[in-house]
Amino acid sequence: MKKVAVILSGCGVYDGAEIHESVLTLLHLELQHASYQCFAPDVTQHHVINHLTGEEMTEQRNVLVEAARIARGAIKPLTELVATDFDALVLPGGFGAAKNLSDFALQGAGATVLPELKRCIQAFAAADKPVGFICIAPALIPLIYPQPVSLTIGTDTDTAAALESLGAQHVQCQVQDIVVDHQAKVVSTPAYMLAQSVAEANSGIKKLIAALLELA
């Protein structure tokens, strides 16, 4: 049984991990007979969004504590993630990837990545282990991998241009498809960058997990 690490960025599409994408990721790992362990950084999230109104709230929340909602409490701090313990890694999307794991949502091409996250992903890359990126999470790829990597965030031209300015090789991709960079062992899919339903998001995530496990 292959072991996969899953990094969550909070709980909720606008300020954390996209819940549907996260649950579909865990579901397909189980259905494809892989075990998983969830991780999240123990940091204060960038901000808190009222998901009913879309307005920013004044309270503060912790990324690890919020992500524990999705993982039903079975989650560990990102500092405990050791690449040698796993065969692959996957990052669901949601704005948490661009606000809590990085500041891409704010800085665009000038963004930086959470140092602990960068360390983890680079450890997987150095060990020639595959990493999957869903939705907006592929925006992290050119901030972490030293070589140009083929990736997709779907068909959004502005986001694609920002990633290409960082050296990424963006490939336009429909919601049901994936992009695989076999040399870097990186798999990406648009999910809710394009999806209009849970079923549409499911189609690409299912393929991503299958490809990720095959590469592992």
N, C-alpha and C. Protein backbone atom coordinates (compact mmCIF):
# COMPACT_ATOMS: atom_id res chain seq x y z
N MET A 1 0.84 -1.20 0.00
CA MET A 1 0.00 0.00 0.00
C MET A 1 0.88 1.25 0.00
N LYS A 2 0.63 2.12 -0.97
CA LYS A 2 1.41 3.36 -1.05
C LYS A 2 0.90 4.38 -0.04
N LYS A 3 1.84 5.14 0.50
CA LYS A 3 1.51 6.13 1.53
C LYS A 3 1.65 7.53 0.93
N VAL A 4 0.63 8.34 1.13
CA VAL A 4 0.59 9.67 0.53
C VAL A 4 0.37 10.73 1.61
N ALA A 5 1.16 11.78 1.57
CA ALA A 5 0.97 12.93 2.45
C ALA A 5 0.06 13.93 1.76
N VAL A 6 -0.89 14.49 2.49
CA VAL A 6 -1.82 15.49 1.96
C VAL A 6 -1.66 16.77 2.77
N ILE A 7 -1.33 17.86 2.10
CA ILE A 7 -1.14 19.14 2.79
C ILE A 7 -2.37 20.01 2.59
N LEU A 8 -3.02 20.37 3.70
CA LEU A 8 -4.19 21.23 3.69
C LEU A 8 -3.80 22.64 4.12
N SER A 9 -4.60 23.62 3.70
CA SER A 9 -4.26 25.03 3.95
C SER A 9 -5.33 25.76 4.73
N GLY A 10 -6.10 25.02 5.52
CA GLY A 10 -7.19 25.61 6.27
C GLY A 10 -8.48 24.88 5.93
N CYS A 11 -9.60 25.58 6.00
CA CYS A 11 -10.90 24.94 5.74
C CYS A 11 -11.87 25.95 5.14
N GLY A 12 -12.06 25.87 3.84
CA GLY A 12 -12.98 26.79 3.17
C GLY A 12 -12.34 27.41 1.95
N VAL A 13 -13.07 27.46 0.85
CA VAL A 13 -12.50 27.86 -0.44
C VAL A 13 -11.88 29.25 -0.42
N TYR A 14 -12.45 30.21 0.30
CA TYR A 14 -12.00 31.59 0.20
C TYR A 14 -10.82 31.94 1.10
N ASP A 15 -10.57 31.12 2.11
CA ASP A 15 -9.46 31.44 3.02
C ASP A 15 -8.68 30.22 3.46
N GLY A 16 -8.98 29.05 2.89
CA GLY A 16 -8.30 27.82 3.30
C GLY A 16 -8.31 26.79 2.20
N ALA A 17 -8.32 25.52 2.57
CA ALA A 17 -8.39 24.44 1.59
C ALA A 17 -9.81 24.30 1.07
N GLU A 18 -9.95 24.06 -0.23
CA GLU A 18 -11.26 23.84 -0.83
C GLU A 18 -11.77 22.50 -0.33
N ILE A 19 -12.91 22.51 0.32
CA ILE A 19 -13.38 21.32 1.03
C ILE A 19 -13.72 20.19 0.07
N HIS A 20 -14.43 20.48 -1.01
CA HIS A 20 -14.76 19.41 -1.97
C HIS A 20 -13.50 18.78 -2.53
N GLU A 21 -12.54 19.60 -2.94
CA GLU A 21 -11.29 19.08 -3.51
C GLU A 21 -10.54 18.24 -2.49
N SER A 22 -10.54 18.67 -1.26
CA SER A 22 -9.83 17.94 -0.20
C SER A 22 -10.48 16.58 0.04
N VAL A 23 -11.80 16.56 0.15
CA VAL A 23 -12.50 15.30 0.42
C VAL A 23 -12.38 14.36 -0.78
N LEU A 24 -12.49 14.88 -1.99
CA LEU A 24 -12.33 14.04 -3.18
C LEU A 24 -10.93 13.46 -3.25
N THR A 25 -9.95 14.22 -2.85
CA THR A 25 -8.56 13.73 -2.82
C THR A 25 -8.46 12.54 -1.87
N LEU A 26 -8.98 12.69 -0.67
CA LEU A 26 -8.92 11.60 0.31
C LEU A 26 -9.72 10.39 -0.15
N LEU A 27 -10.89 10.65 -0.75
CA LEU A 27 -11.73 9.56 -1.24
C LEU A 27 -11.00 8.73 -2.30
N HIS A 28 -10.40 9.40 -3.27
CA HIS A 28 -9.76 8.66 -4.36
C HIS A 28 -8.47 7.98 -3.91
N LEU A 29 -7.81 8.53 -2.93
CA LEU A 29 -6.67 7.80 -2.36
C LEU A 29 -7.13 6.49 -1.75
N GLU A 30 -8.22 6.53 -1.02
CA GLU A 30 -8.76 5.30 -0.43
C GLU A 30 -9.24 4.33 -1.49
N LEU A 31 -9.99 4.84 -2.47
CA LEU A 31 -10.54 3.98 -3.51
C LEU A 31 -9.44 3.32 -4.34
N GLN A 32 -8.28 3.99 -4.42
CA GLN A 32 -7.18 3.43 -5.19
C GLN A 32 -6.15 2.76 -4.26
N HIS A 33 -6.63 2.40 -3.06
CA HIS A 33 -5.89 1.55 -2.13
C HIS A 33 -4.56 2.15 -1.66
N ALA A 34 -4.58 3.45 -1.42
CA ALA A 34 -3.43 4.12 -0.82
C ALA A 34 -3.83 4.60 0.57
N SER A 35 -2.86 4.67 1.47
CA SER A 35 -3.10 5.26 2.78
C SER A 35 -2.64 6.72 2.73
N TYR A 36 -3.14 7.53 3.65
CA TYR A 36 -2.75 8.94 3.64
C TYR A 36 -2.64 9.48 5.06
N GLN A 37 -1.89 10.56 5.17
CA GLN A 37 -1.80 11.33 6.40
C GLN A 37 -1.90 12.80 6.03
N CYS A 38 -2.79 13.53 6.70
CA CYS A 38 -2.95 14.95 6.45
C CYS A 38 -2.00 15.77 7.31
N PHE A 39 -1.53 16.87 6.73
CA PHE A 39 -0.66 17.82 7.43
C PHE A 39 -1.14 19.24 7.12
N ALA A 40 -0.78 20.18 7.98
CA ALA A 40 -1.04 21.60 7.73
C ALA A 40 -0.07 22.43 8.55
N PRO A 41 0.29 23.61 8.08
CA PRO A 41 1.17 24.46 8.86
C PRO A 41 0.48 25.01 10.10
N ASP A 42 1.19 25.05 11.20
CA ASP A 42 0.65 25.58 12.45
C ASP A 42 0.91 27.08 12.49
N VAL A 43 0.15 27.82 11.69
CA VAL A 43 0.32 29.26 11.56
C VAL A 43 -1.05 29.93 11.54
N THR A 44 -1.07 31.23 11.79
CA THR A 44 -2.30 32.01 11.67
C THR A 44 -2.62 32.22 10.20
N GLN A 45 -3.87 31.96 9.80
CA GLN A 45 -4.20 32.14 8.39
C GLN A 45 -4.25 33.62 8.04
N HIS A 46 -4.07 33.91 6.75
CA HIS A 46 -3.96 35.30 6.29
C HIS A 46 -5.13 36.15 6.74
N HIS A 47 -6.33 35.66 6.55
CA HIS A 47 -7.52 36.34 7.05
C HIS A 47 -8.67 35.33 7.08
N VAL A 48 -9.79 35.75 7.61
CA VAL A 48 -10.97 34.89 7.72
C VAL A 48 -12.09 35.51 6.89
N ILE A 49 -12.67 34.70 6.01
CA ILE A 49 -13.75 35.17 5.14
C ILE A 49 -15.07 34.54 5.57
N ASN A 50 -16.10 35.37 5.67
CA ASN A 50 -17.45 34.88 5.88
C ASN A 50 -17.91 34.24 4.57
N HIS A 51 -18.04 32.92 4.54
CA HIS A 51 -18.37 32.24 3.30
C HIS A 51 -19.82 32.42 2.87
N LEU A 52 -20.62 33.01 3.72
CA LEU A 52 -22.01 33.31 3.36
C LEU A 52 -22.10 34.63 2.60
N THR A 53 -21.31 35.63 3.05
CA THR A 53 -21.39 36.97 2.46
C THR A 53 -20.18 37.33 1.59
N GLY A 54 -19.06 36.60 1.78
CA GLY A 54 -17.83 36.93 1.06
C GLY A 54 -17.04 38.05 1.71
N GLU A 55 -17.50 38.54 2.86
CA GLU A 55 -16.83 39.66 3.52
C GLU A 55 -15.75 39.16 4.48
N GLU A 56 -14.71 39.97 4.64
CA GLU A 56 -13.63 39.65 5.57
C GLU A 56 -14.12 39.88 7.00
N MET A 57 -13.72 38.97 7.89
CA MET A 57 -14.11 39.07 9.30
C MET A 57 -12.93 39.54 10.13
N THR A 58 -13.20 39.98 11.35
CA THR A 58 -12.15 40.55 12.19
C THR A 58 -11.40 39.50 13.01
N GLU A 59 -11.95 38.29 13.11
CA GLU A 59 -11.31 37.26 13.94
C GLU A 59 -10.08 36.67 13.28
N GLN A 60 -9.30 35.94 14.06
CA GLN A 60 -8.15 35.20 13.56
C GLN A 60 -8.35 33.71 13.76
N ARG A 61 -7.84 32.91 12.82
CA ARG A 61 -7.92 31.47 12.95
C ARG A 61 -6.58 30.84 12.59
N ASN A 62 -6.39 29.61 13.08
CA ASN A 62 -5.15 28.88 12.87
C ASN A 62 -5.34 27.87 11.73
N VAL A 63 -4.38 27.82 10.81
CA VAL A 63 -4.51 26.96 9.63
C VAL A 63 -4.61 25.48 10.03
N LEU A 64 -3.78 25.04 10.96
CA LEU A 64 -3.79 23.64 11.39
C LEU A 64 -5.11 23.29 12.08
N VAL A 65 -5.59 24.16 12.94
CA VAL A 65 -6.84 23.92 13.66
C VAL A 65 -8.02 23.86 12.68
N GLU A 66 -8.03 24.77 11.72
CA GLU A 66 -9.12 24.77 10.74
C GLU A 66 -9.06 23.54 9.84
N ALA A 67 -7.85 23.17 9.39
CA ALA A 67 -7.69 22.00 8.52
C ALA A 67 -8.10 20.72 9.23
N ALA A 68 -7.97 20.70 10.55
CA ALA A 68 -8.37 19.53 11.34
C ALA A 68 -9.86 19.23 11.18
N ARG A 69 -10.66 20.23 10.80
CA ARG A 69 -12.09 20.00 10.55
C ARG A 69 -12.27 19.02 9.38
N ILE A 70 -11.49 19.22 8.32
CA ILE A 70 -11.60 18.36 7.14
C ILE A 70 -11.06 16.96 7.46
N ALA A 71 -9.95 16.92 8.20
CA ALA A 71 -9.29 15.65 8.50
C ALA A 71 -9.90 14.93 9.68
N ARG A 72 -10.99 15.46 10.24
CA ARG A 72 -11.65 14.87 11.41
C ARG A 72 -10.66 14.69 12.56
N GLY A 73 -9.75 15.65 12.67
CA GLY A 73 -8.79 15.65 13.77
C GLY A 73 -7.54 14.84 13.51
N ALA A 74 -7.54 14.02 12.46
CA ALA A 74 -6.38 13.16 12.16
C ALA A 74 -5.40 13.91 11.28
N ILE A 75 -4.70 14.86 11.89
CA ILE A 75 -3.80 15.73 11.14
C ILE A 75 -2.59 16.07 12.00
N LYS A 76 -1.47 16.34 11.34
CA LYS A 76 -0.24 16.66 12.05
C LYS A 76 0.31 17.99 11.56
N PRO A 77 1.13 18.67 12.39
CA PRO A 77 1.77 19.89 11.93
C PRO A 77 2.71 19.62 10.76
N LEU A 78 2.81 20.57 9.86
CA LEU A 78 3.66 20.40 8.68
C LEU A 78 5.11 20.14 9.05
N THR A 79 5.54 20.62 10.20
CA THR A 79 6.92 20.41 10.65
C THR A 79 7.23 18.94 10.86
N GLU A 80 6.20 18.10 11.00
CA GLU A 80 6.41 16.67 11.23
C GLU A 80 6.41 15.85 9.94
N LEU A 81 6.23 16.51 8.81
CA LEU A 81 6.21 15.79 7.54
C LEU A 81 7.63 15.45 7.11
N VAL A 82 7.90 14.17 6.94
CA VAL A 82 9.22 13.68 6.51
C VAL A 82 9.04 12.93 5.20
N ALA A 83 9.70 13.38 4.14
CA ALA A 83 9.49 12.83 2.81
C ALA A 83 9.79 11.34 2.74
N THR A 84 10.75 10.88 3.52
CA THR A 84 11.14 9.47 3.46
C THR A 84 10.03 8.54 3.98
N ASP A 85 9.04 9.10 4.66
CA ASP A 85 7.95 8.29 5.21
C ASP A 85 6.83 8.05 4.19
N PHE A 86 6.90 8.72 3.03
CA PHE A 86 5.79 8.69 2.08
C PHE A 86 6.28 8.43 0.66
N ASP A 87 5.35 7.97 -0.16
CA ASP A 87 5.63 7.69 -1.57
C ASP A 87 5.27 8.85 -2.48
N ALA A 88 4.37 9.72 -2.02
CA ALA A 88 3.90 10.83 -2.84
C ALA A 88 3.29 11.89 -1.94
N LEU A 89 3.02 13.05 -2.55
CA LEU A 89 2.47 14.20 -1.83
C LEU A 89 1.41 14.84 -2.71
N VAL A 90 0.34 15.37 -2.12
CA VAL A 90 -0.68 16.06 -2.90
C VAL A 90 -1.19 17.27 -2.14
N LEU A 91 -1.47 18.36 -2.89
CA LEU A 91 -1.97 19.60 -2.31
C LEU A 91 -3.30 19.97 -2.97
N PRO A 92 -4.43 19.83 -2.26
CA PRO A 92 -5.69 20.36 -2.78
C PRO A 92 -5.61 21.88 -2.89
N GLY A 93 -6.56 22.44 -3.65
CA GLY A 93 -6.55 23.88 -3.86
C GLY A 93 -7.36 24.64 -2.82
N GLY A 94 -7.98 25.73 -3.27
CA GLY A 94 -8.59 26.69 -2.36
C GLY A 94 -7.65 27.86 -2.19
N PHE A 95 -8.20 29.02 -1.85
CA PHE A 95 -7.37 30.22 -1.73
C PHE A 95 -6.34 30.12 -0.61
N GLY A 96 -6.50 29.14 0.30
CA GLY A 96 -5.49 28.96 1.32
C GLY A 96 -4.12 28.66 0.74
N ALA A 97 -4.09 27.98 -0.42
CA ALA A 97 -2.82 27.69 -1.08
C ALA A 97 -2.14 28.97 -1.52
N ALA A 98 -2.94 29.98 -1.88
CA ALA A 98 -2.41 31.24 -2.38
C ALA A 98 -2.39 32.35 -1.33
N LYS A 99 -2.89 32.04 -0.12
CA LYS A 99 -2.90 33.03 0.95
C LYS A 99 -2.17 32.57 2.20
N ASN A 100 -2.23 31.26 2.49
CA ASN A 100 -1.62 30.72 3.71
C ASN A 100 -0.34 29.94 3.44
N LEU A 101 -0.33 29.16 2.34
CA LEU A 101 0.88 28.42 1.98
C LEU A 101 1.84 29.29 1.18
N SER A 102 1.32 30.35 0.61
CA SER A 102 2.12 31.32 -0.14
C SER A 102 1.37 32.64 -0.09
N ASP A 103 1.93 33.66 -0.74
CA ASP A 103 1.21 34.93 -0.86
C ASP A 103 0.93 35.25 -2.33
N PHE A 104 0.74 34.20 -3.13
CA PHE A 104 0.51 34.38 -4.56
C PHE A 104 -0.73 35.22 -4.83
N ALA A 105 -1.79 35.06 -4.03
CA ALA A 105 -3.01 35.83 -4.23
C ALA A 105 -2.78 37.33 -4.07
N LEU A 106 -1.76 37.68 -3.32
CA LEU A 106 -1.47 39.09 -3.05
C LEU A 106 -0.34 39.63 -3.91
N GLN A 107 0.68 38.81 -4.16
CA GLN A 107 1.89 39.28 -4.81
C GLN A 107 2.07 38.80 -6.25
N GLY A 108 1.27 37.83 -6.67
CA GLY A 108 1.39 37.35 -8.04
C GLY A 108 2.78 36.82 -8.34
N ALA A 109 3.38 37.30 -9.41
CA ALA A 109 4.70 36.82 -9.83
C ALA A 109 5.79 37.14 -8.82
N GLY A 110 5.52 38.03 -7.87
CA GLY A 110 6.50 38.36 -6.83
C GLY A 110 6.31 37.57 -5.56
N ALA A 111 5.53 36.49 -5.63
CA ALA A 111 5.15 35.74 -4.44
C ALA A 111 6.29 34.93 -3.85
N THR A 112 6.12 34.57 -2.60
CA THR A 112 7.03 33.65 -1.90
C THR A 112 6.19 32.54 -1.29
N VAL A 113 6.86 31.45 -0.92
CA VAL A 113 6.19 30.28 -0.36
C VAL A 113 6.59 30.13 1.10
N LEU A 114 5.67 29.62 1.90
CA LEU A 114 5.97 29.31 3.29
C LEU A 114 7.22 28.44 3.34
N PRO A 115 8.27 28.85 4.06
CA PRO A 115 9.54 28.11 4.04
C PRO A 115 9.41 26.63 4.38
N GLU A 116 8.57 26.29 5.36
CA GLU A 116 8.43 24.88 5.73
C GLU A 116 7.79 24.07 4.61
N LEU A 117 6.86 24.67 3.90
CA LEU A 117 6.24 23.99 2.76
C LEU A 117 7.27 23.78 1.65
N LYS A 118 8.05 24.80 1.37
CA LYS A 118 9.08 24.69 0.33
C LYS A 118 10.06 23.59 0.68
N ARG A 119 10.45 23.50 1.94
CA ARG A 119 11.38 22.44 2.37
C ARG A 119 10.77 21.07 2.11
N CYS A 120 9.51 20.90 2.46
CA CYS A 120 8.85 19.60 2.30
C CYS A 120 8.78 19.18 0.84
N ILE A 121 8.31 20.09 -0.01
CA ILE A 121 8.13 19.74 -1.42
C ILE A 121 9.48 19.49 -2.09
N GLN A 122 10.46 20.30 -1.75
CA GLN A 122 11.79 20.08 -2.33
C GLN A 122 12.39 18.76 -1.88
N ALA A 123 12.04 18.30 -0.69
CA ALA A 123 12.52 17.00 -0.21
C ALA A 123 11.91 15.87 -1.04
N PHE A 124 10.63 16.00 -1.39
CA PHE A 124 10.00 15.01 -2.26
C PHE A 124 10.63 15.03 -3.64
N ALA A 125 10.87 16.23 -4.16
CA ALA A 125 11.47 16.35 -5.49
C ALA A 125 12.88 15.76 -5.51
N ALA A 126 13.66 16.03 -4.46
CA ALA A 126 15.02 15.52 -4.38
C ALA A 126 15.05 14.00 -4.29
N ALA A 127 14.00 13.42 -3.71
CA ALA A 127 13.90 11.97 -3.59
C ALA A 127 13.21 11.34 -4.80
N ASP A 128 12.94 12.14 -5.83
CA ASP A 128 12.30 11.67 -7.06
C ASP A 128 10.92 11.08 -6.77
N LYS A 129 10.19 11.74 -5.87
CA LYS A 129 8.84 11.30 -5.52
C LYS A 129 7.82 12.29 -6.09
N PRO A 130 6.69 11.78 -6.58
CA PRO A 130 5.73 12.65 -7.26
C PRO A 130 4.91 13.53 -6.31
N VAL A 131 4.52 14.69 -6.86
CA VAL A 131 3.69 15.63 -6.11
C VAL A 131 2.53 16.07 -7.00
N GLY A 132 1.31 16.07 -6.45
CA GLY A 132 0.14 16.51 -7.18
C GLY A 132 -0.35 17.86 -6.67
N PHE A 133 -0.76 18.70 -7.60
CA PHE A 133 -1.24 20.05 -7.27
C PHE A 133 -2.60 20.26 -7.92
N ILE A 134 -3.58 20.71 -7.14
CA ILE A 134 -4.96 20.83 -7.59
C ILE A 134 -5.41 22.29 -7.57
N CYS A 135 -6.19 22.69 -8.59
CA CYS A 135 -6.82 24.01 -8.63
C CYS A 135 -5.78 25.12 -8.71
N ILE A 136 -5.70 26.01 -7.73
CA ILE A 136 -4.73 27.11 -7.73
C ILE A 136 -3.39 26.68 -7.14
N ALA A 137 -3.33 25.52 -6.50
CA ALA A 137 -2.08 25.06 -5.89
C ALA A 137 -0.91 24.98 -6.88
N PRO A 138 -1.13 24.70 -8.19
CA PRO A 138 0.00 24.69 -9.12
C PRO A 138 0.76 26.03 -9.20
N ALA A 139 0.14 27.10 -8.72
CA ALA A 139 0.85 28.39 -8.69
C ALA A 139 2.10 28.33 -7.82
N LEU A 140 2.16 27.35 -6.91
CA LEU A 140 3.32 27.20 -6.05
C LEU A 140 4.51 26.58 -6.77
N ILE A 141 4.25 25.86 -7.86
CA ILE A 141 5.28 25.04 -8.50
C ILE A 141 6.50 25.84 -8.93
N PRO A 142 6.35 26.93 -9.70
CA PRO A 142 7.56 27.65 -10.13
C PRO A 142 8.27 28.39 -9.00
N LEU A 143 7.61 28.51 -7.85
CA LEU A 143 8.24 29.14 -6.69
C LEU A 143 9.08 28.14 -5.90
N ILE A 144 8.97 26.85 -6.27
CA ILE A 144 9.62 25.79 -5.51
C ILE A 144 10.61 24.99 -6.35
N TYR A 145 10.18 24.61 -7.55
CA TYR A 145 11.03 23.77 -8.40
C TYR A 145 12.01 24.65 -9.18
N PRO A 146 13.31 24.30 -9.19
CA PRO A 146 14.30 25.14 -9.86
C PRO A 146 14.21 25.09 -11.38
N GLN A 147 13.73 23.96 -11.94
CA GLN A 147 13.63 23.82 -13.39
C GLN A 147 12.23 24.15 -13.86
N PRO A 148 12.05 24.54 -15.13
CA PRO A 148 10.71 24.77 -15.65
C PRO A 148 9.88 23.49 -15.60
N VAL A 149 8.65 23.60 -15.13
CA VAL A 149 7.76 22.45 -14.98
C VAL A 149 6.49 22.70 -15.78
N SER A 150 6.03 21.68 -16.52
CA SER A 150 4.75 21.77 -17.21
C SER A 150 3.63 21.62 -16.18
N LEU A 151 2.66 22.53 -16.23
CA LEU A 151 1.59 22.54 -15.23
C LEU A 151 0.35 23.18 -15.82
N THR A 152 -0.75 23.11 -15.08
CA THR A 152 -1.96 23.78 -15.52
C THR A 152 -2.73 24.37 -14.34
N ILE A 153 -3.35 25.50 -14.59
CA ILE A 153 -4.37 26.03 -13.67
C ILE A 153 -5.67 26.17 -14.46
N GLY A 154 -5.74 25.49 -15.62
CA GLY A 154 -6.93 25.54 -16.44
C GLY A 154 -6.75 26.41 -17.66
N THR A 155 -7.56 27.48 -17.75
CA THR A 155 -7.53 28.34 -18.93
C THR A 155 -7.45 29.82 -18.59
N ASP A 156 -7.23 30.16 -17.32
CA ASP A 156 -7.17 31.57 -16.90
C ASP A 156 -5.89 32.20 -17.44
N THR A 157 -6.03 33.13 -18.39
CA THR A 157 -4.85 33.67 -19.07
C THR A 157 -3.98 34.54 -18.17
N ASP A 158 -4.58 35.31 -17.28
CA ASP A 158 -3.79 36.19 -16.41
C ASP A 158 -2.94 35.38 -15.43
N THR A 159 -3.55 34.37 -14.81
CA THR A 159 -2.81 33.53 -13.87
C THR A 159 -1.73 32.75 -14.61
N ALA A 160 -2.07 32.24 -15.78
CA ALA A 160 -1.09 31.50 -16.58
C ALA A 160 0.09 32.39 -16.95
N ALA A 161 -0.18 33.64 -17.31
CA ALA A 161 0.89 34.57 -17.67
C ALA A 161 1.81 34.84 -16.49
N ALA A 162 1.24 34.98 -15.30
CA ALA A 162 2.05 35.20 -14.10
C ALA A 162 2.96 34.00 -13.84
N LEU A 163 2.44 32.80 -14.03
CA LEU A 163 3.24 31.60 -13.80
C LEU A 163 4.32 31.44 -14.87
N GLU A 164 3.98 31.77 -16.11
CA GLU A 164 4.98 31.70 -17.17
C GLU A 164 6.10 32.71 -16.96
N SER A 165 5.77 33.86 -16.36
CA SER A 165 6.81 34.86 -16.07
C SER A 165 7.79 34.36 -15.02
N LEU A 166 7.37 33.35 -14.25
CA LEU A 166 8.24 32.73 -13.24
C LEU A 166 9.00 31.53 -13.80
N GLY A 167 8.75 31.21 -15.07
CA GLY A 167 9.47 30.12 -15.70
C GLY A 167 8.67 28.85 -15.91
N ALA A 168 7.42 28.83 -15.47
CA ALA A 168 6.59 27.64 -15.65
C ALA A 168 6.20 27.48 -17.11
N GLN A 169 5.88 26.26 -17.50
CA GLN A 169 5.38 25.96 -18.84
C GLN A 169 3.89 25.64 -18.70
N HIS A 170 3.05 26.66 -18.86
CA HIS A 170 1.63 26.46 -18.64
C HIS A 170 0.98 25.76 -19.83
N VAL A 171 0.15 24.76 -19.52
CA VAL A 171 -0.59 24.02 -20.53
C VAL A 171 -2.09 24.22 -20.28
N GLN A 172 -2.80 24.74 -21.28
CA GLN A 172 -4.25 24.89 -21.11
C GLN A 172 -4.88 23.51 -20.97
N CYS A 173 -5.85 23.41 -20.08
CA CYS A 173 -6.39 22.10 -19.71
C CYS A 173 -7.84 22.24 -19.31
N GLN A 174 -8.66 21.33 -19.74
CA GLN A 174 -10.06 21.32 -19.35
C GLN A 174 -10.23 20.63 -18.00
N VAL A 175 -11.38 20.83 -17.40
CA VAL A 175 -11.60 20.41 -16.02
C VAL A 175 -11.43 18.91 -15.82
N GLN A 176 -11.75 18.12 -16.82
CA GLN A 176 -11.69 16.67 -16.67
C GLN A 176 -10.30 16.09 -16.93
N ASP A 177 -9.34 16.94 -17.27
CA ASP A 177 -8.02 16.46 -17.66
C ASP A 177 -6.94 16.81 -16.65
N ILE A 178 -5.75 16.26 -16.88
CA ILE A 178 -4.59 16.52 -16.04
C ILE A 178 -3.40 16.83 -16.93
N VAL A 179 -2.40 17.44 -16.34
CA VAL A 179 -1.12 17.66 -17.01
C VAL A 179 -0.04 16.97 -16.17
N VAL A 180 0.75 16.15 -16.82
CA VAL A 180 1.80 15.40 -16.13
C VAL A 180 3.16 15.82 -16.67
N ASP A 181 4.04 16.28 -15.80
CA ASP A 181 5.44 16.51 -16.14
C ASP A 181 6.21 15.30 -15.64
N HIS A 182 6.54 14.40 -16.54
CA HIS A 182 7.15 13.13 -16.15
C HIS A 182 8.56 13.31 -15.60
N GLN A 183 9.28 14.30 -16.11
CA GLN A 183 10.64 14.51 -15.62
C GLN A 183 10.64 15.02 -14.18
N ALA A 184 9.78 15.98 -13.89
CA ALA A 184 9.71 16.53 -12.54
C ALA A 184 8.83 15.69 -11.62
N LYS A 185 8.04 14.77 -12.20
CA LYS A 185 7.07 13.98 -11.46
C LYS A 185 6.06 14.88 -10.76
N VAL A 186 5.49 15.79 -11.54
CA VAL A 186 4.48 16.73 -11.05
C VAL A 186 3.20 16.54 -11.86
N VAL A 187 2.08 16.44 -11.15
CA VAL A 187 0.77 16.27 -11.79
C VAL A 187 -0.13 17.42 -11.33
N SER A 188 -0.88 18.01 -12.26
CA SER A 188 -1.78 19.09 -11.89
C SER A 188 -3.10 18.97 -12.64
N THR A 189 -4.15 19.54 -12.06
CA THR A 189 -5.48 19.53 -12.67
C THR A 189 -6.24 20.78 -12.24
N PRO A 190 -7.12 21.32 -13.10
CA PRO A 190 -7.78 22.60 -12.78
C PRO A 190 -8.80 22.55 -11.65
N ALA A 191 -9.57 21.44 -11.54
CA ALA A 191 -10.64 21.34 -10.53
C ALA A 191 -11.48 22.62 -10.52
N TYR A 192 -11.62 23.27 -9.35
CA TYR A 192 -12.53 24.40 -9.26
C TYR A 192 -12.01 25.70 -9.87
N MET A 193 -10.85 25.67 -10.52
CA MET A 193 -10.50 26.79 -11.39
C MET A 193 -11.46 26.83 -12.58
N LEU A 194 -12.05 25.66 -12.89
CA LEU A 194 -13.00 25.56 -14.00
C LEU A 194 -14.30 24.89 -13.62
N ALA A 195 -14.27 24.00 -12.65
CA ALA A 195 -15.43 23.16 -12.34
C ALA A 195 -16.65 23.98 -11.95
N GLN A 196 -17.80 23.52 -12.42
CA GLN A 196 -19.08 24.14 -12.07
C GLN A 196 -19.90 23.24 -11.15
N SER A 197 -19.31 22.10 -10.77
CA SER A 197 -20.02 21.17 -9.90
C SER A 197 -19.01 20.24 -9.24
N VAL A 198 -19.47 19.54 -8.20
CA VAL A 198 -18.61 18.55 -7.54
C VAL A 198 -18.23 17.45 -8.52
N ALA A 199 -19.17 17.05 -9.36
CA ALA A 199 -18.90 15.98 -10.33
C ALA A 199 -17.81 16.38 -11.30
N GLU A 200 -17.82 17.63 -11.75
CA GLU A 200 -16.77 18.09 -12.66
C GLU A 200 -15.42 18.13 -11.96
N ALA A 201 -15.37 18.60 -10.74
CA ALA A 201 -14.12 18.63 -9.99
C ALA A 201 -13.61 17.21 -9.78
N ASN A 202 -14.53 16.29 -9.54
CA ASN A 202 -14.18 14.90 -9.29
C ASN A 202 -13.44 14.26 -10.46
N SER A 203 -13.86 14.60 -11.68
CA SER A 203 -13.32 13.92 -12.86
C SER A 203 -11.81 14.10 -12.99
N GLY A 204 -11.31 15.31 -12.79
CA GLY A 204 -9.88 15.55 -12.89
C GLY A 204 -9.10 15.06 -11.69
N ILE A 205 -9.70 15.20 -10.50
CA ILE A 205 -9.00 14.76 -9.29
C ILE A 205 -8.82 13.25 -9.29
N LYS A 206 -9.81 12.52 -9.76
CA LYS A 206 -9.69 11.06 -9.87
C LYS A 206 -8.50 10.69 -10.75
N LYS A 207 -8.36 11.36 -11.90
CA LYS A 207 -7.25 11.09 -12.81
C LYS A 207 -5.91 11.49 -12.18
N LEU A 208 -5.91 12.63 -11.47
CA LEU A 208 -4.67 13.08 -10.84
C LEU A 208 -4.16 12.06 -9.83
N ILE A 209 -5.04 11.55 -8.97
CA ILE A 209 -4.61 10.59 -7.96
C ILE A 209 -4.11 9.32 -8.63
N ALA A 210 -4.79 8.86 -9.69
CA ALA A 210 -4.35 7.66 -10.39
C ALA A 210 -2.95 7.86 -10.98
N ALA A 211 -2.72 9.02 -11.59
CA ALA A 211 -1.41 9.30 -12.19
C ALA A 211 -0.34 9.44 -11.13
N LEU A 212 -0.70 10.06 -10.01
CA LEU A 212 0.25 10.26 -8.92
C LEU A 212 0.73 8.92 -8.37
N LEU A 213 -0.21 8.01 -8.16
CA LEU A 213 0.14 6.69 -7.62
C LEU A 213 0.92 5.87 -8.62
N GLU A 214 0.62 6.05 -9.90
CA GLU A 214 1.38 5.34 -10.94
C GLU A 214 2.83 5.81 -10.96
N LEU A 215 3.03 7.12 -10.82
CA LEU A 215 4.39 7.67 -10.79
C LEU A 215 5.14 7.22 -9.55
N ALA A 216 4.40 6.96 -8.48
CA ALA A 216 5.03 6.53 -7.22
C ALA A 216 5.46 5.07 -7.29
